[in-house]
Amino acid sequence: MKINLSDSEWKLMNHLWTRSPMTIMELTADMNAETSWTKNTVITMLSRLEAKGAIRHEEGGRAKQYYPCMDREDAAMEETKNFLGKVYGGKLGLMMHAMVESRTLTAEDIAELSAILEQAGGDKK
């Protein structure tokens, strides 16, 4: 599922991934400290996300219940692909070079990358 999320949509989705279903009032209350969004803003964001196919709702009791339609991992993978394509022209090597040059990689990061590369190399044997 190829869905691009804005920064604001990520904020709302993170709440639904953490706890769903949620109603408009629950989302508004949960997100208030982080965003100061009003109920109308939450409704607008939910409408956008529903139009994109990222969430769905069910009629429940007195209020609609909202659920995510995509996994957080799938959304993160799509976001990563979009970022690499936009910033580095799809070239992973350029990104890695930038990270090494800026000295932002920790020993833990390097070990994790090594394990990923080893796994990738093992798949091609």
C-alpha atoms as a PDB file:
ATOM      1  CA  MET A   1       0.000   0.000   0.000  1.00  0.00           C
ATOM      2  CA  LYS A   2       1.628   3.222  -1.163  1.00  0.00           C
ATOM      3  CA  ILE A   3       0.443   6.056   1.065  1.00  0.00           C
ATOM      4  CA  ASN A   4       2.468   9.175   1.785  1.00  0.00           C
ATOM      5  CA  LEU A   5       1.836  10.725   5.187  1.00  0.00           C
ATOM      6  CA  SER A   6       2.480  14.332   6.167  1.00  0.00           C
ATOM      7  CA  ASP A   7       4.157  15.102   9.504  1.00  0.00           C
ATOM      8  CA  SER A   8       0.766  15.922  11.017  1.00  0.00           C
ATOM      9  CA  GLU A   9      -0.738  12.701   9.705  1.00  0.00           C
ATOM     10  CA  TRP A  10       2.136  10.740  11.263  1.00  0.00           C
ATOM     11  CA  LYS A  11       1.276  12.283  14.646  1.00  0.00           C
ATOM     12  CA  LEU A  12      -2.326  11.149  14.416  1.00  0.00           C
ATOM     13  CA  MET A  13      -1.426   7.723  13.026  1.00  0.00           C
ATOM     14  CA  ASN A  14       1.003   7.139  15.895  1.00  0.00           C
ATOM     15  CA  HIS A  15      -1.893   7.527  18.320  1.00  0.00           C
ATOM     16  CA  LEU A  16      -4.012   5.042  16.366  1.00  0.00           C
ATOM     17  CA  TRP A  17      -1.130   2.566  16.103  1.00  0.00           C
ATOM     18  CA  THR A  18      -0.619   2.794  19.851  1.00  0.00           C
ATOM     19  CA  ARG A  19      -4.268   2.454  20.803  1.00  0.00           C
ATOM     20  CA  SER A  20      -7.155   1.696  18.504  1.00  0.00           C
ATOM     21  CA  PRO A  21      -9.969   2.006  18.010  1.00  0.00           C
ATOM     22  CA  MET A  22     -10.274   5.619  19.082  1.00  0.00           C
ATOM     23  CA  THR A  23     -13.055   8.158  18.776  1.00  0.00           C
ATOM     24  CA  ILE A  24     -12.697  11.764  17.652  1.00  0.00           C
ATOM     25  CA  MET A  25     -13.003  12.956  21.240  1.00  0.00           C
ATOM     26  CA  GLU A  26     -10.358  10.472  22.462  1.00  0.00           C
ATOM     27  CA  LEU A  27      -7.956  11.527  19.718  1.00  0.00           C
ATOM     28  CA  THR A  28      -8.568  15.209  20.418  1.00  0.00           C
ATOM     29  CA  ALA A  29      -7.892  14.715  24.138  1.00  0.00           C
ATOM     30  CA  ASP A  30      -4.803  12.527  23.560  1.00  0.00           C
ATOM     31  CA  MET A  31      -3.284  14.875  21.009  1.00  0.00           C
ATOM     32  CA  ASN A  32      -4.076  18.150  22.748  1.00  0.00           C
ATOM     33  CA  ALA A  33      -0.842  18.416  24.744  1.00  0.00           C
ATOM     34  CA  GLU A  34       1.245  17.555  21.680  1.00  0.00           C
ATOM     35  CA  THR A  35      -0.555  19.604  19.038  1.00  0.00           C
ATOM     36  CA  SER A  36      -3.250  21.848  20.578  1.00  0.00           C
ATOM     37  CA  TRP A  37      -5.534  20.650  17.775  1.00  0.00           C
ATOM     38  CA  THR A  38      -9.215  21.348  18.081  1.00  0.00           C
ATOM     39  CA  LYS A  39     -11.907  18.765  17.434  1.00  0.00           C
ATOM     40  CA  ASN A  40     -12.419  20.271  13.952  1.00  0.00           C
ATOM     41  CA  THR A  41      -8.723  19.875  13.110  1.00  0.00           C
ATOM     42  CA  VAL A  42      -8.809  16.227  14.190  1.00  0.00           C
ATOM     43  CA  ILE A  43     -11.916  15.666  12.041  1.00  0.00           C
ATOM     44  CA  THR A  44     -10.148  17.242   9.046  1.00  0.00           C
ATOM     45  CA  MET A  45      -7.067  15.052   9.569  1.00  0.00           C
ATOM     46  CA  LEU A  46      -9.211  11.933   9.922  1.00  0.00           C
ATOM     47  CA  SER A  47     -11.046  12.786   6.694  1.00  0.00           C
ATOM     48  CA  ARG A  48      -7.749  13.172   4.833  1.00  0.00           C
ATOM     49  CA  LEU A  49      -6.388   9.912   6.194  1.00  0.00           C
ATOM     50  CA  GLU A  50      -9.590   8.081   5.348  1.00  0.00           C
ATOM     51  CA  ALA A  51      -9.507   9.455   1.790  1.00  0.00           C
ATOM     52  CA  LYS A  52      -5.925   8.165   1.452  1.00  0.00           C
ATOM     53  CA  GLY A  53      -6.955   4.722   2.710  1.00  0.00           C
ATOM     54  CA  ALA A  54      -4.714   4.933   5.785  1.00  0.00           C
ATOM     55  CA  ILE A  55      -7.583   4.598   8.274  1.00  0.00           C
ATOM     56  CA  ARG A  56     -11.163   3.411   8.416  1.00  0.00           C
ATOM     57  CA  HIS A  57     -14.037   3.923  10.779  1.00  0.00           C
ATOM     58  CA  GLU A  58     -16.901   1.865  12.089  1.00  0.00           C
ATOM     59  CA  GLU A  59     -20.095   3.213  13.542  1.00  0.00           C
ATOM     60  CA  GLY A  60     -20.021   2.371  17.214  1.00  0.00           C
ATOM     61  CA  GLY A  61     -22.510   3.310  19.864  1.00  0.00           C
ATOM     62  CA  ARG A  62     -22.537   7.100  20.085  1.00  0.00           C
ATOM     63  CA  ALA A  63     -19.293   7.767  18.211  1.00  0.00           C
ATOM     64  CA  LYS A  64     -17.346   6.540  15.216  1.00  0.00           C
ATOM     65  CA  GLN A  65     -14.437   4.235  16.028  1.00  0.00           C
ATOM     66  CA  TYR A  66     -11.257   4.846  13.983  1.00  0.00           C
ATOM     67  CA  TYR A  67      -8.743   2.132  13.087  1.00  0.00           C
ATOM     68  CA  PRO A  68      -5.473   2.183  11.130  1.00  0.00           C
ATOM     69  CA  CYS A  69      -5.557   0.321   7.788  1.00  0.00           C
ATOM     70  CA  MET A  70      -1.790   0.067   7.497  1.00  0.00           C
ATOM     71  CA  ASP A  71       0.980  -1.163   9.751  1.00  0.00           C
ATOM     72  CA  ARG A  72       3.465   1.293  11.201  1.00  0.00           C
ATOM     73  CA  GLU A  73       6.294  -0.777   9.671  1.00  0.00           C
ATOM     74  CA  ASP A  74       4.785  -0.546   6.177  1.00  0.00           C
ATOM     75  CA  ALA A  75       4.363   3.214   6.520  1.00  0.00           C
ATOM     76  CA  ALA A  76       7.939   3.597   7.789  1.00  0.00           C
ATOM     77  CA  MET A  77       9.298   1.549   4.872  1.00  0.00           C
ATOM     78  CA  GLU A  78       7.379   3.662   2.358  1.00  0.00           C
ATOM     79  CA  GLU A  79       8.574   6.863   4.041  1.00  0.00           C
ATOM     80  CA  THR A  80      12.167   5.601   3.896  1.00  0.00           C
ATOM     81  CA  LYS A  81      11.885   4.825   0.182  1.00  0.00           C
ATOM     82  CA  ASN A  82      10.397   8.267  -0.483  1.00  0.00           C
ATOM     83  CA  PHE A  83      13.140   9.960   1.521  1.00  0.00           C
ATOM     84  CA  LEU A  84      15.939   8.097  -0.248  1.00  0.00           C
ATOM     85  CA  GLY A  85      14.452   8.873  -3.634  1.00  0.00           C
ATOM     86  CA  LYS A  86      13.891  12.529  -2.865  1.00  0.00           C
ATOM     87  CA  VAL A  87      17.104  13.380  -1.029  1.00  0.00           C
ATOM     88  CA  TYR A  88      19.645  10.898  -2.361  1.00  0.00           C
ATOM     89  CA  GLY A  89      18.213  10.022  -5.764  1.00  0.00           C
ATOM     90  CA  GLY A  90      17.591   6.484  -4.526  1.00  0.00           C
ATOM     91  CA  LYS A  91      21.304   5.938  -3.899  1.00  0.00           C
ATOM     92  CA  LEU A  92      21.784   4.342  -0.497  1.00  0.00           C
ATOM     93  CA  GLY A  93      25.560   4.710  -0.752  1.00  0.00           C
ATOM     94  CA  LEU A  94      25.255   8.506  -0.824  1.00  0.00           C
ATOM     95  CA  MET A  95      23.231   8.476   2.373  1.00  0.00           C
ATOM     96  CA  MET A  96      25.683   6.145   4.109  1.00  0.00           C
ATOM     97  CA  HIS A  97      28.607   8.306   3.025  1.00  0.00           C
ATOM     98  CA  ALA A  98      26.871  11.404   4.436  1.00  0.00           C
ATOM     99  CA  MET A  99      26.257   9.626   7.747  1.00  0.00           C
ATOM    100  CA  VAL A 100      29.856   8.436   8.014  1.00  0.00           C
ATOM    101  CA  GLU A 101      31.219  11.880   7.138  1.00  0.00           C
ATOM    102  CA  SER A 102      29.026  13.599   9.722  1.00  0.00           C
ATOM    103  CA  ARG A 103      30.146  11.110  12.391  1.00  0.00           C
ATOM    104  CA  THR A 104      26.562  10.441  13.482  1.00  0.00           C
ATOM    105  CA  LEU A 105      26.827   6.641  13.489  1.00  0.00           C
ATOM    106  CA  THR A 106      27.202   5.057  16.914  1.00  0.00           C
ATOM    107  CA  ALA A 107      28.910   1.712  17.492  1.00  0.00           C
ATOM    108  CA  GLU A 108      25.430   0.228  17.915  1.00  0.00           C
ATOM    109  CA  ASP A 109      24.345   1.685  14.543  1.00  0.00           C
ATOM    110  CA  ILE A 110      27.419   0.240  12.823  1.00  0.00           C
ATOM    111  CA  ALA A 111      26.821  -3.199  14.364  1.00  0.00           C
ATOM    112  CA  GLU A 112      23.177  -3.108  13.254  1.00  0.00           C
ATOM    113  CA  LEU A 113      24.123  -2.086   9.705  1.00  0.00           C
ATOM    114  CA  SER A 114      26.785  -4.786   9.567  1.00  0.00           C
ATOM    115  CA  ALA A 115      24.235  -7.410  10.582  1.00  0.00           C
ATOM    116  CA  ILE A 116      21.779  -6.163   7.944  1.00  0.00           C
ATOM    117  CA  LEU A 117      24.444  -6.225   5.232  1.00  0.00           C
ATOM    118  CA  GLU A 118      25.614  -9.669   6.300  1.00  0.00           C
ATOM    119  CA  GLN A 119      22.036 -10.928   6.115  1.00  0.00           C
ATOM    120  CA  ALA A 120      21.598  -9.361   2.668  1.00  0.00           C
ATOM    121  CA  GLY A 121      24.813 -10.927   1.437  1.00  0.00           C
ATOM    122  CA  GLY A 122      23.778 -14.300   2.839  1.00  0.00           C
ATOM    123  CA  ASP A 123      20.534 -14.227   0.875  1.00  0.00           C
ATOM    124  CA  LYS A 124      22.443 -14.040  -2.423  1.00  0.00           C
ATOM    125  CA  LYS A 125      24.549 -17.162  -1.897  1.00  0.00           C
END
